[in-house]
Amino acid sequence: MSLIDFLLNLAGLLLWLNWLSIRFDPLARPAAATLAGTLRKAGRPAARRWLLAATLAALLLLRALLYYHIGSAADWSPKLHLGAIALSFRSDYFRLVFAYSGLSFAAMLGGFYLWMLLLSFLGGREAESDPFLRLAHAHLGGVARWPWLARLGLPFAVVALLWLALAPMLGWLGVVPRPGSWLLRCEQSALVGLGAYLGWKYLIAGLLALHLLHSYVYLGRSPFWSFVALAARGLLKPMRRLPLRVDRVDLAPVVGIALVFLAVGVAENGLRLSSNLSVPGLFELYQRVSR
């Protein structure tokens, strides 16, 4: 069931990207003075956008019905991991699986933009010549031109505000206890916001692993491998002064991957132990505050 859930989230993400890509279509609003302006698009872009949006909404609704009918029989309780916390949803209540369907897709969508944001830090001046990094900048729009400090703080601000907005609904659904005070809600939102950065670990580790593979195994010349090398150089830039090269063997990617998972493990444990934001810990914290 978890694999099916992931694949359906991936299908939803592809529908979202197709819906979003219509505005970048050169034939959607052709200029008469260009060659594309002499071509006529089959179908209207507005109709296509409505169809894709309706398909995405139908996917989220239908999979909630699927989880509701077979989740209990399969002994499956959906869980949503948000870095600092893990939210559990009962599959025998439709309102809970419907909330999970929407929130899990939103989490995947947020993870996609979180990865695009990380890519916006890489490449430097060479980013304009790399098609993959240009694509990341296109998805971010004007955010890609923000100062680096503002971009770095954006995940924390967005996730913290979303938690503040969603915490009352999650409390009403019984997924988390209702917070006893506004200060407690602010503390929870700040720690959940810090947990958003943990979503970078898979992208960083994946890029470094691919760079390590391509460094010692010739896999041909393609824009993708140029992008991997460019991104890896940006990620390993803080370690360039360290003596991590032995003859022709560069240990920097291996050390980088190990440091990523070590730092993430320490951060996850630190957030959970210091904030008691796991679901059982939330109940204990709520009981202590409400006394």
C-alpha atoms as a PDB file:
ATOM      1  CA  MET A   1       0.000   0.000   0.000  1.00  0.00           C
ATOM      2  CA  SER A   2       2.826   2.399   0.742  1.00  0.00           C
ATOM      3  CA  LEU A   3       4.258   1.823  -2.744  1.00  0.00           C
ATOM      4  CA  ILE A   4       0.839   2.403  -4.324  1.00  0.00           C
ATOM      5  CA  ASP A   5       0.475   5.575  -2.291  1.00  0.00           C
ATOM      6  CA  PHE A   6       3.877   6.818  -3.479  1.00  0.00           C
ATOM      7  CA  LEU A   7       3.080   6.054  -7.131  1.00  0.00           C
ATOM      8  CA  LEU A   8      -0.271   7.856  -6.893  1.00  0.00           C
ATOM      9  CA  ASN A   9       1.450  10.860  -5.338  1.00  0.00           C
ATOM     10  CA  LEU A  10       3.962  10.783  -8.184  1.00  0.00           C
ATOM     11  CA  ALA A  11       1.122  10.661 -10.717  1.00  0.00           C
ATOM     12  CA  GLY A  12      -0.459  13.657  -8.999  1.00  0.00           C
ATOM     13  CA  LEU A  13       2.849  15.534  -9.161  1.00  0.00           C
ATOM     14  CA  LEU A  14       3.120  14.844 -12.908  1.00  0.00           C
ATOM     15  CA  LEU A  15      -0.424  16.123 -13.413  1.00  0.00           C
ATOM     16  CA  TRP A  16       0.483  19.281 -11.480  1.00  0.00           C
ATOM     17  CA  LEU A  17       3.620  19.825 -13.572  1.00  0.00           C
ATOM     18  CA  ASN A  18       1.651  19.309 -16.796  1.00  0.00           C
ATOM     19  CA  TRP A  19      -0.956  21.785 -15.577  1.00  0.00           C
ATOM     20  CA  LEU A  20       1.788  24.261 -14.742  1.00  0.00           C
ATOM     21  CA  SER A  21       3.695  23.757 -18.001  1.00  0.00           C
ATOM     22  CA  ILE A  22       0.830  25.060 -20.152  1.00  0.00           C
ATOM     23  CA  ARG A  23       1.735  28.639 -19.321  1.00  0.00           C
ATOM     24  CA  PHE A  24       5.257  28.014 -20.688  1.00  0.00           C
ATOM     25  CA  ASP A  25       3.909  26.609 -23.967  1.00  0.00           C
ATOM     26  CA  PRO A  26       5.119  28.869 -26.826  1.00  0.00           C
ATOM     27  CA  LEU A  27       1.967  28.031 -28.801  1.00  0.00           C
ATOM     28  CA  ALA A  28      -0.394  28.974 -25.968  1.00  0.00           C
ATOM     29  CA  ARG A  29      -0.013  32.712 -26.620  1.00  0.00           C
ATOM     30  CA  PRO A  30       1.792  32.934 -29.966  1.00  0.00           C
ATOM     31  CA  ALA A  31       3.131  36.184 -31.293  1.00  0.00           C
ATOM     32  CA  ALA A  32       2.164  36.925 -34.904  1.00  0.00           C
ATOM     33  CA  ALA A  33       5.683  38.070 -35.784  1.00  0.00           C
ATOM     34  CA  THR A  34       7.238  34.705 -34.920  1.00  0.00           C
ATOM     35  CA  LEU A  35       7.188  31.343 -36.659  1.00  0.00           C
ATOM     36  CA  ALA A  36       5.247  29.894 -33.686  1.00  0.00           C
ATOM     37  CA  GLY A  37       2.697  32.635 -34.238  1.00  0.00           C
ATOM     38  CA  THR A  38       1.781  31.152 -37.610  1.00  0.00           C
ATOM     39  CA  LEU A  39       0.832  27.837 -35.984  1.00  0.00           C
ATOM     40  CA  ARG A  40      -2.555  27.170 -34.477  1.00  0.00           C
ATOM     41  CA  LYS A  41      -2.849  25.068 -31.333  1.00  0.00           C
ATOM     42  CA  ALA A  42      -5.321  22.191 -31.421  1.00  0.00           C
ATOM     43  CA  GLY A  43      -7.612  22.817 -28.452  1.00  0.00           C
ATOM     44  CA  ARG A  44      -7.711  25.696 -26.023  1.00  0.00           C
ATOM     45  CA  PRO A  45      -5.092  25.988 -23.244  1.00  0.00           C
ATOM     46  CA  ALA A  46      -7.769  27.021 -20.726  1.00  0.00           C
ATOM     47  CA  ALA A  47      -9.744  23.825 -21.413  1.00  0.00           C
ATOM     48  CA  ARG A  48      -6.601  21.721 -21.005  1.00  0.00           C
ATOM     49  CA  ARG A  49      -5.792  23.387 -17.687  1.00  0.00           C
ATOM     50  CA  TRP A  50      -9.301  22.779 -16.378  1.00  0.00           C
ATOM     51  CA  LEU A  51      -9.116  19.136 -17.475  1.00  0.00           C
ATOM     52  CA  LEU A  52      -5.778  18.559 -15.742  1.00  0.00           C
ATOM     53  CA  ALA A  53      -6.974  20.290 -12.557  1.00  0.00           C
ATOM     54  CA  ALA A  54     -10.166  18.191 -12.537  1.00  0.00           C
ATOM     55  CA  THR A  55      -8.151  15.013 -13.117  1.00  0.00           C
ATOM     56  CA  LEU A  56      -5.872  15.825 -10.182  1.00  0.00           C
ATOM     57  CA  ALA A  57      -8.852  16.526  -7.893  1.00  0.00           C
ATOM     58  CA  ALA A  58     -10.498  13.264  -9.014  1.00  0.00           C
ATOM     59  CA  LEU A  59      -7.283  11.348  -8.324  1.00  0.00           C
ATOM     60  CA  LEU A  60      -7.100  12.651  -4.750  1.00  0.00           C
ATOM     61  CA  LEU A  61     -10.769  11.840  -4.121  1.00  0.00           C
ATOM     62  CA  LEU A  62     -10.742   8.376  -5.716  1.00  0.00           C
ATOM     63  CA  ARG A  63      -7.639   7.245  -3.913  1.00  0.00           C
ATOM     64  CA  ALA A  64      -9.162   8.361  -0.611  1.00  0.00           C
ATOM     65  CA  LEU A  65     -12.135   6.100  -1.414  1.00  0.00           C
ATOM     66  CA  LEU A  66      -9.706   3.295  -2.272  1.00  0.00           C
ATOM     67  CA  TYR A  67      -7.848   3.672   1.010  1.00  0.00           C
ATOM     68  CA  TYR A  68     -11.129   3.810   2.929  1.00  0.00           C
ATOM     69  CA  HIS A  69     -12.426   0.553   1.425  1.00  0.00           C
ATOM     70  CA  ILE A  70      -9.266  -1.562   1.438  1.00  0.00           C
ATOM     71  CA  GLY A  71      -7.065   0.116   4.057  1.00  0.00           C
ATOM     72  CA  SER A  72      -8.597  -1.694   7.024  1.00  0.00           C
ATOM     73  CA  ALA A  73      -8.698  -5.020   5.177  1.00  0.00           C
ATOM     74  CA  ALA A  74      -5.014  -4.660   4.320  1.00  0.00           C
ATOM     75  CA  ASP A  75      -4.229  -3.627   7.923  1.00  0.00           C
ATOM     76  CA  TRP A  76      -2.685  -0.405   6.644  1.00  0.00           C
ATOM     77  CA  SER A  77      -2.617   2.841   8.578  1.00  0.00           C
ATOM     78  CA  PRO A  78      -1.286   5.704   6.461  1.00  0.00           C
ATOM     79  CA  LYS A  79       1.459   7.796   7.996  1.00  0.00           C
ATOM     80  CA  LEU A  80       2.728  11.184   6.952  1.00  0.00           C
ATOM     81  CA  HIS A  81       6.364  11.916   7.838  1.00  0.00           C
ATOM     82  CA  LEU A  82       7.098  15.616   8.193  1.00  0.00           C
ATOM     83  CA  GLY A  83      10.689  15.532   9.355  1.00  0.00           C
ATOM     84  CA  ALA A  84      10.228  16.346  13.028  1.00  0.00           C
ATOM     85  CA  ILE A  85       6.973  14.428  13.403  1.00  0.00           C
ATOM     86  CA  ALA A  86       5.061  11.489  11.945  1.00  0.00           C
ATOM     87  CA  LEU A  87       1.274  11.816  11.719  1.00  0.00           C
ATOM     88  CA  SER A  88      -0.857   8.657  11.742  1.00  0.00           C
ATOM     89  CA  PHE A  89      -4.294   8.466  10.118  1.00  0.00           C
ATOM     90  CA  ARG A  90      -6.907   5.769  10.666  1.00  0.00           C
ATOM     91  CA  SER A  91      -8.077   4.188   7.414  1.00  0.00           C
ATOM     92  CA  ASP A  92     -11.571   3.299   8.719  1.00  0.00           C
ATOM     93  CA  TYR A  93     -12.720   6.943   8.797  1.00  0.00           C
ATOM     94  CA  PHE A  94     -13.229   8.540   5.401  1.00  0.00           C
ATOM     95  CA  ARG A  95     -12.583  12.074   6.602  1.00  0.00           C
ATOM     96  CA  LEU A  96      -9.168  10.974   7.887  1.00  0.00           C
ATOM     97  CA  VAL A  97      -8.085   9.209   4.706  1.00  0.00           C
ATOM     98  CA  PHE A  98      -9.416  12.113   2.632  1.00  0.00           C
ATOM     99  CA  ALA A  99      -7.318  14.526   4.719  1.00  0.00           C
ATOM    100  CA  TYR A 100      -4.338  12.197   4.336  1.00  0.00           C
ATOM    101  CA  SER A 101      -4.818  12.040   0.560  1.00  0.00           C
ATOM    102  CA  GLY A 102      -4.627  15.818   0.248  1.00  0.00           C
ATOM    103  CA  LEU A 103      -1.878  16.337   2.810  1.00  0.00           C
ATOM    104  CA  SER A 104       0.400  13.599   1.469  1.00  0.00           C
ATOM    105  CA  PHE A 105       0.167  15.042  -2.045  1.00  0.00           C
ATOM    106  CA  ALA A 106       0.867  18.509  -0.630  1.00  0.00           C
ATOM    107  CA  ALA A 107       3.920  17.088   1.163  1.00  0.00           C
ATOM    108  CA  MET A 108       5.271  15.587  -2.084  1.00  0.00           C
ATOM    109  CA  LEU A 109       4.597  18.843  -3.928  1.00  0.00           C
ATOM    110  CA  GLY A 110       6.365  20.782  -1.182  1.00  0.00           C
ATOM    111  CA  GLY A 111       9.283  18.346  -1.339  1.00  0.00           C
ATOM    112  CA  PHE A 112       9.593  18.918  -5.085  1.00  0.00           C
ATOM    113  CA  TYR A 113       9.825  22.690  -4.654  1.00  0.00           C
ATOM    114  CA  LEU A 114      12.187  22.201  -1.723  1.00  0.00           C
ATOM    115  CA  TRP A 115      14.519  20.296  -4.060  1.00  0.00           C
ATOM    116  CA  MET A 116      14.195  23.010  -6.716  1.00  0.00           C
ATOM    117  CA  LEU A 117      15.136  25.567  -4.075  1.00  0.00           C
ATOM    118  CA  LEU A 118      18.290  23.635  -3.182  1.00  0.00           C
ATOM    119  CA  LEU A 119      19.259  23.464  -6.867  1.00  0.00           C
ATOM    120  CA  SER A 120      18.913  27.236  -7.077  1.00  0.00           C
ATOM    121  CA  PHE A 121      21.921  27.558  -4.743  1.00  0.00           C
ATOM    122  CA  LEU A 122      24.142  25.401  -6.963  1.00  0.00           C
ATOM    123  CA  GLY A 123      26.042  26.171 -10.123  1.00  0.00           C
ATOM    124  CA  GLY A 124      26.839  29.844  -9.594  1.00  0.00           C
ATOM    125  CA  ARG A 125      27.419  31.645 -12.867  1.00  0.00           C
ATOM    126  CA  GLU A 126      27.401  28.351 -14.770  1.00  0.00           C
ATOM    127  CA  ALA A 127      23.754  27.737 -13.810  1.00  0.00           C
ATOM    128  CA  GLU A 128      22.531  29.774 -16.816  1.00  0.00           C
ATOM    129  CA  SER A 129      24.171  27.318 -19.211  1.00  0.00           C
ATOM    130  CA  ASP A 130      22.791  24.165 -17.588  1.00  0.00           C
ATOM    131  CA  PRO A 131      19.281  23.120 -18.749  1.00  0.00           C
ATOM    132  CA  PHE A 132      18.417  21.315 -15.499  1.00  0.00           C
ATOM    133  CA  LEU A 133      19.344  24.251 -13.287  1.00  0.00           C
ATOM    134  CA  ARG A 134      17.494  26.618 -15.636  1.00  0.00           C
ATOM    135  CA  LEU A 135      14.441  24.384 -15.263  1.00  0.00           C
ATOM    136  CA  ALA A 136      14.704  24.634 -11.471  1.00  0.00           C
ATOM    137  CA  HIS A 137      14.854  28.428 -11.739  1.00  0.00           C
ATOM    138  CA  ALA A 138      11.818  28.410 -14.054  1.00  0.00           C
ATOM    139  CA  HIS A 139       9.761  26.455 -11.506  1.00  0.00           C
ATOM    140  CA  LEU A 140      10.728  28.857  -8.721  1.00  0.00           C
ATOM    141  CA  GLY A 141       9.959  31.927 -10.784  1.00  0.00           C
ATOM    142  CA  GLY A 142      10.931  35.167  -9.078  1.00  0.00           C
ATOM    143  CA  VAL A 143      11.981  33.327  -5.905  1.00  0.00           C
ATOM    144  CA  ALA A 144      15.125  32.129  -7.722  1.00  0.00           C
ATOM    145  CA  ARG A 145      16.298  35.758  -7.896  1.00  0.00           C
ATOM    146  CA  TRP A 146      15.844  36.436  -4.177  1.00  0.00           C
ATOM    147  CA  PRO A 147      18.936  36.947  -2.003  1.00  0.00           C
ATOM    148  CA  TRP A 148      20.380  33.643  -0.845  1.00  0.00           C
ATOM    149  CA  LEU A 149      19.543  34.321   2.808  1.00  0.00           C
ATOM    150  CA  ALA A 150      15.863  34.932   1.990  1.00  0.00           C
ATOM    151  CA  ARG A 151      15.714  31.727  -0.062  1.00  0.00           C
ATOM    152  CA  LEU A 152      17.372  29.791   2.748  1.00  0.00           C
ATOM    153  CA  GLY A 153      14.775  30.941   5.270  1.00  0.00           C
ATOM    154  CA  LEU A 154      11.797  30.389   2.954  1.00  0.00           C
ATOM    155  CA  PRO A 155      11.171  26.670   3.781  1.00  0.00           C
ATOM    156  CA  PHE A 156      11.135  27.409   7.504  1.00  0.00           C
ATOM    157  CA  ALA A 157       8.708  30.323   7.124  1.00  0.00           C
ATOM    158  CA  VAL A 158       6.316  28.510   4.753  1.00  0.00           C
ATOM    159  CA  VAL A 159       6.183  25.222   6.685  1.00  0.00           C
ATOM    160  CA  ALA A 160       5.848  26.961  10.059  1.00  0.00           C
ATOM    161  CA  LEU A 161       2.940  29.092   8.828  1.00  0.00           C
ATOM    162  CA  LEU A 162       1.267  26.067   7.240  1.00  0.00           C
ATOM    163  CA  TRP A 163       1.525  24.152  10.516  1.00  0.00           C
ATOM    164  CA  LEU A 164      -0.048  27.070  12.377  1.00  0.00           C
ATOM    165  CA  ALA A 165      -2.914  27.052   9.875  1.00  0.00           C
ATOM    166  CA  LEU A 166      -3.405  23.266   9.798  1.00  0.00           C
ATOM    167  CA  ALA A 167      -2.897  22.423  13.478  1.00  0.00           C
ATOM    168  CA  PRO A 168      -6.518  23.320  14.452  1.00  0.00           C
ATOM    169  CA  MET A 169      -7.891  21.098  11.672  1.00  0.00           C
ATOM    170  CA  LEU A 170      -5.581  18.222  12.637  1.00  0.00           C
ATOM    171  CA  GLY A 171      -6.641  18.654  16.254  1.00  0.00           C
ATOM    172  CA  TRP A 172     -10.325  18.565  15.252  1.00  0.00           C
ATOM    173  CA  LEU A 173      -9.690  15.364  13.265  1.00  0.00           C
ATOM    174  CA  GLY A 174      -7.941  13.811  16.270  1.00  0.00           C
ATOM    175  CA  VAL A 175      -4.636  13.314  14.443  1.00  0.00           C
ATOM    176  CA  VAL A 176      -2.828  15.475  16.999  1.00  0.00           C
ATOM    177  CA  PRO A 177      -4.054  16.825  20.326  1.00  0.00           C
ATOM    178  CA  ARG A 178      -5.382  20.338  20.325  1.00  0.00           C
ATOM    179  CA  PRO A 179      -2.612  22.635  21.629  1.00  0.00           C
ATOM    180  CA  GLY A 180      -3.266  24.193  24.978  1.00  0.00           C
ATOM    181  CA  SER A 181      -1.873  27.641  24.221  1.00  0.00           C
ATOM    182  CA  TRP A 182      -0.828  29.891  21.361  1.00  0.00           C
ATOM    183  CA  LEU A 183       2.792  29.823  22.596  1.00  0.00           C
ATOM    184  CA  LEU A 184       2.839  26.038  22.379  1.00  0.00           C
ATOM    185  CA  ARG A 185       1.513  26.186  18.812  1.00  0.00           C
ATOM    186  CA  CYS A 186       4.255  28.653  17.864  1.00  0.00           C
ATOM    187  CA  GLU A 187       6.935  26.401  19.363  1.00  0.00           C
ATOM    188  CA  GLN A 188       5.553  23.397  17.481  1.00  0.00           C
ATOM    189  CA  SER A 189       5.389  25.297  14.196  1.00  0.00           C
ATOM    190  CA  ALA A 190       8.984  26.516  14.583  1.00  0.00           C
ATOM    191  CA  LEU A 191      10.284  22.988  15.130  1.00  0.00           C
ATOM    192  CA  VAL A 192       8.214  21.555  12.273  1.00  0.00           C
ATOM    193  CA  GLY A 193       9.589  24.350  10.078  1.00  0.00           C
ATOM    194  CA  LEU A 194      13.154  23.394  10.994  1.00  0.00           C
ATOM    195  CA  GLY A 195      12.341  19.794  10.108  1.00  0.00           C
ATOM    196  CA  ALA A 196      11.556  20.846   6.521  1.00  0.00           C
ATOM    197  CA  TYR A 197      15.274  21.076   5.734  1.00  0.00           C
ATOM    198  CA  LEU A 198      15.643  17.345   6.375  1.00  0.00           C
ATOM    199  CA  GLY A 199      13.961  16.770   3.002  1.00  0.00           C
ATOM    200  CA  TRP A 200      17.209  17.795   1.265  1.00  0.00           C
ATOM    201  CA  LYS A 201      19.068  14.686   2.418  1.00  0.00           C
ATOM    202  CA  TYR A 202      17.938  12.371  -0.400  1.00  0.00           C
ATOM    203  CA  LEU A 203      18.707  14.875  -3.157  1.00  0.00           C
ATOM    204  CA  ILE A 204      22.156  15.685  -1.737  1.00  0.00           C
ATOM    205  CA  ALA A 205      23.053  12.030  -1.171  1.00  0.00           C
ATOM    206  CA  GLY A 206      21.698  11.038  -4.594  1.00  0.00           C
ATOM    207  CA  LEU A 207      23.653  13.714  -6.457  1.00  0.00           C
ATOM    208  CA  LEU A 208      26.873  12.855  -4.637  1.00  0.00           C
ATOM    209  CA  ALA A 209      26.388   9.119  -5.255  1.00  0.00           C
ATOM    210  CA  LEU A 210      25.805   9.721  -8.970  1.00  0.00           C
ATOM    211  CA  HIS A 211      28.860  11.965  -9.107  1.00  0.00           C
ATOM    212  CA  LEU A 212      30.954   9.267  -7.444  1.00  0.00           C
ATOM    213  CA  LEU A 213      29.688   6.670  -9.928  1.00  0.00           C
ATOM    214  CA  HIS A 214      30.339   8.866 -12.955  1.00  0.00           C
ATOM    215  CA  SER A 215      33.817   9.738 -11.700  1.00  0.00           C
ATOM    216  CA  TYR A 216      35.004   6.127 -12.016  1.00  0.00           C
ATOM    217  CA  VAL A 217      32.610   4.602 -14.564  1.00  0.00           C
ATOM    218  CA  TYR A 218      32.317   6.149 -18.017  1.00  0.00           C
ATOM    219  CA  LEU A 219      28.610   6.495 -18.786  1.00  0.00           C
ATOM    220  CA  GLY A 220      28.849   8.696 -21.847  1.00  0.00           C
ATOM    221  CA  ARG A 221      28.509  12.425 -22.377  1.00  0.00           C
ATOM    222  CA  SER A 222      25.114  13.957 -21.769  1.00  0.00           C
ATOM    223  CA  PRO A 223      23.679  17.155 -20.240  1.00  0.00           C
ATOM    224  CA  PHE A 224      22.485  15.111 -17.266  1.00  0.00           C
ATOM    225  CA  TRP A 225      25.998  14.079 -16.207  1.00  0.00           C
ATOM    226  CA  SER A 226      27.225  17.642 -16.712  1.00  0.00           C
ATOM    227  CA  PHE A 227      24.457  18.754 -14.359  1.00  0.00           C
ATOM    228  CA  VAL A 228      25.429  16.100 -11.782  1.00  0.00           C
ATOM    229  CA  ALA A 229      29.075  17.212 -11.869  1.00  0.00           C
ATOM    230  CA  LEU A 230      28.119  20.882 -11.581  1.00  0.00           C
ATOM    231  CA  ALA A 231      25.726  20.250  -8.690  1.00  0.00           C
ATOM    232  CA  ALA A 232      28.229  18.018  -6.874  1.00  0.00           C
ATOM    233  CA  ARG A 233      30.917  20.688  -7.129  1.00  0.00           C
ATOM    234  CA  GLY A 234      28.539  23.152  -5.520  1.00  0.00           C
ATOM    235  CA  LEU A 235      27.650  20.731  -2.722  1.00  0.00           C
ATOM    236  CA  LEU A 236      31.290  19.824  -2.034  1.00  0.00           C
ATOM    237  CA  LYS A 237      32.523  23.410  -2.135  1.00  0.00           C
ATOM    238  CA  PRO A 238      32.740  23.728   1.709  1.00  0.00           C
ATOM    239  CA  MET A 239      35.031  20.652   1.751  1.00  0.00           C
ATOM    240  CA  ARG A 240      37.404  21.635  -1.059  1.00  0.00           C
ATOM    241  CA  ARG A 241      40.198  22.681   1.337  1.00  0.00           C
ATOM    242  CA  LEU A 242      40.183  19.328   3.151  1.00  0.00           C
ATOM    243  CA  PRO A 243      42.811  16.707   2.143  1.00  0.00           C
ATOM    244  CA  LEU A 244      40.325  14.120   0.879  1.00  0.00           C
ATOM    245  CA  ARG A 245      42.172  13.002  -2.243  1.00  0.00           C
ATOM    246  CA  VAL A 246      44.446   9.941  -2.087  1.00  0.00           C
ATOM    247  CA  ASP A 247      46.390   9.596  -5.337  1.00  0.00           C
ATOM    248  CA  ARG A 248      43.617   9.494  -7.945  1.00  0.00           C
ATOM    249  CA  VAL A 249      40.869   8.571  -5.510  1.00  0.00           C
ATOM    250  CA  ASP A 250      38.623  11.448  -4.404  1.00  0.00           C
ATOM    251  CA  LEU A 251      36.979  10.643  -1.089  1.00  0.00           C
ATOM    252  CA  ALA A 252      35.009  13.892  -0.904  1.00  0.00           C
ATOM    253  CA  PRO A 253      31.698  12.422  -2.236  1.00  0.00           C
ATOM    254  CA  VAL A 254      31.878   9.498   0.205  1.00  0.00           C
ATOM    255  CA  VAL A 255      32.653  11.779   3.126  1.00  0.00           C
ATOM    256  CA  GLY A 256      29.901  14.152   1.989  1.00  0.00           C
ATOM    257  CA  ILE A 257      27.274  11.383   1.911  1.00  0.00           C
ATOM    258  CA  ALA A 258      28.356  10.137   5.344  1.00  0.00           C
ATOM    259  CA  LEU A 259      28.222  13.654   6.790  1.00  0.00           C
ATOM    260  CA  VAL A 260      24.750  14.251   5.336  1.00  0.00           C
ATOM    261  CA  PHE A 261      23.223  11.170   6.951  1.00  0.00           C
ATOM    262  CA  LEU A 262      25.112  11.769  10.198  1.00  0.00           C
ATOM    263  CA  ALA A 263      23.906  15.360  10.397  1.00  0.00           C
ATOM    264  CA  VAL A 264      20.339  14.374   9.486  1.00  0.00           C
ATOM    265  CA  GLY A 265      20.300  11.603  12.089  1.00  0.00           C
ATOM    266  CA  VAL A 266      21.530  13.948  14.793  1.00  0.00           C
ATOM    267  CA  ALA A 267      19.044  16.630  13.729  1.00  0.00           C
ATOM    268  CA  GLU A 268      16.077  14.231  13.678  1.00  0.00           C
ATOM    269  CA  ASN A 269      16.889  12.833  17.100  1.00  0.00           C
ATOM    270  CA  GLY A 270      17.539  16.291  18.475  1.00  0.00           C
ATOM    271  CA  LEU A 271      14.236  17.660  17.203  1.00  0.00           C
ATOM    272  CA  ARG A 272      12.263  14.731  18.558  1.00  0.00           C
ATOM    273  CA  LEU A 273      13.966  14.619  21.944  1.00  0.00           C
ATOM    274  CA  SER A 274      13.968  18.361  22.525  1.00  0.00           C
ATOM    275  CA  SER A 275      10.463  19.087  21.278  1.00  0.00           C
ATOM    276  CA  ASN A 276       8.576  15.858  22.090  1.00  0.00           C
ATOM    277  CA  LEU A 277       6.800  16.307  18.775  1.00  0.00           C
ATOM    278  CA  SER A 278       6.211  12.657  18.038  1.00  0.00           C
ATOM    279  CA  VAL A 279       2.531  11.766  18.274  1.00  0.00           C
ATOM    280  CA  PRO A 280       2.841  10.054  21.695  1.00  0.00           C
ATOM    281  CA  GLY A 281       5.027  12.919  22.855  1.00  0.00           C
ATOM    282  CA  LEU A 282       2.432  15.448  21.787  1.00  0.00           C
ATOM    283  CA  PHE A 283      -0.150  13.794  24.030  1.00  0.00           C
ATOM    284  CA  GLU A 284       2.249  13.771  26.962  1.00  0.00           C
ATOM    285  CA  LEU A 285       3.218  17.381  26.350  1.00  0.00           C
ATOM    286  CA  TYR A 286      -0.413  18.414  26.027  1.00  0.00           C
ATOM    287  CA  GLN A 287      -1.313  16.696  29.296  1.00  0.00           C
ATOM    288  CA  ARG A 288       1.540  18.422  31.140  1.00  0.00           C
ATOM    289  CA  VAL A 289       0.677  21.879  29.763  1.00  0.00           C
ATOM    290  CA  SER A 290      -3.071  21.543  30.369  1.00  0.00           C
ATOM    291  CA  ARG A 291      -2.677  20.660  34.055  1.00  0.00           C
END
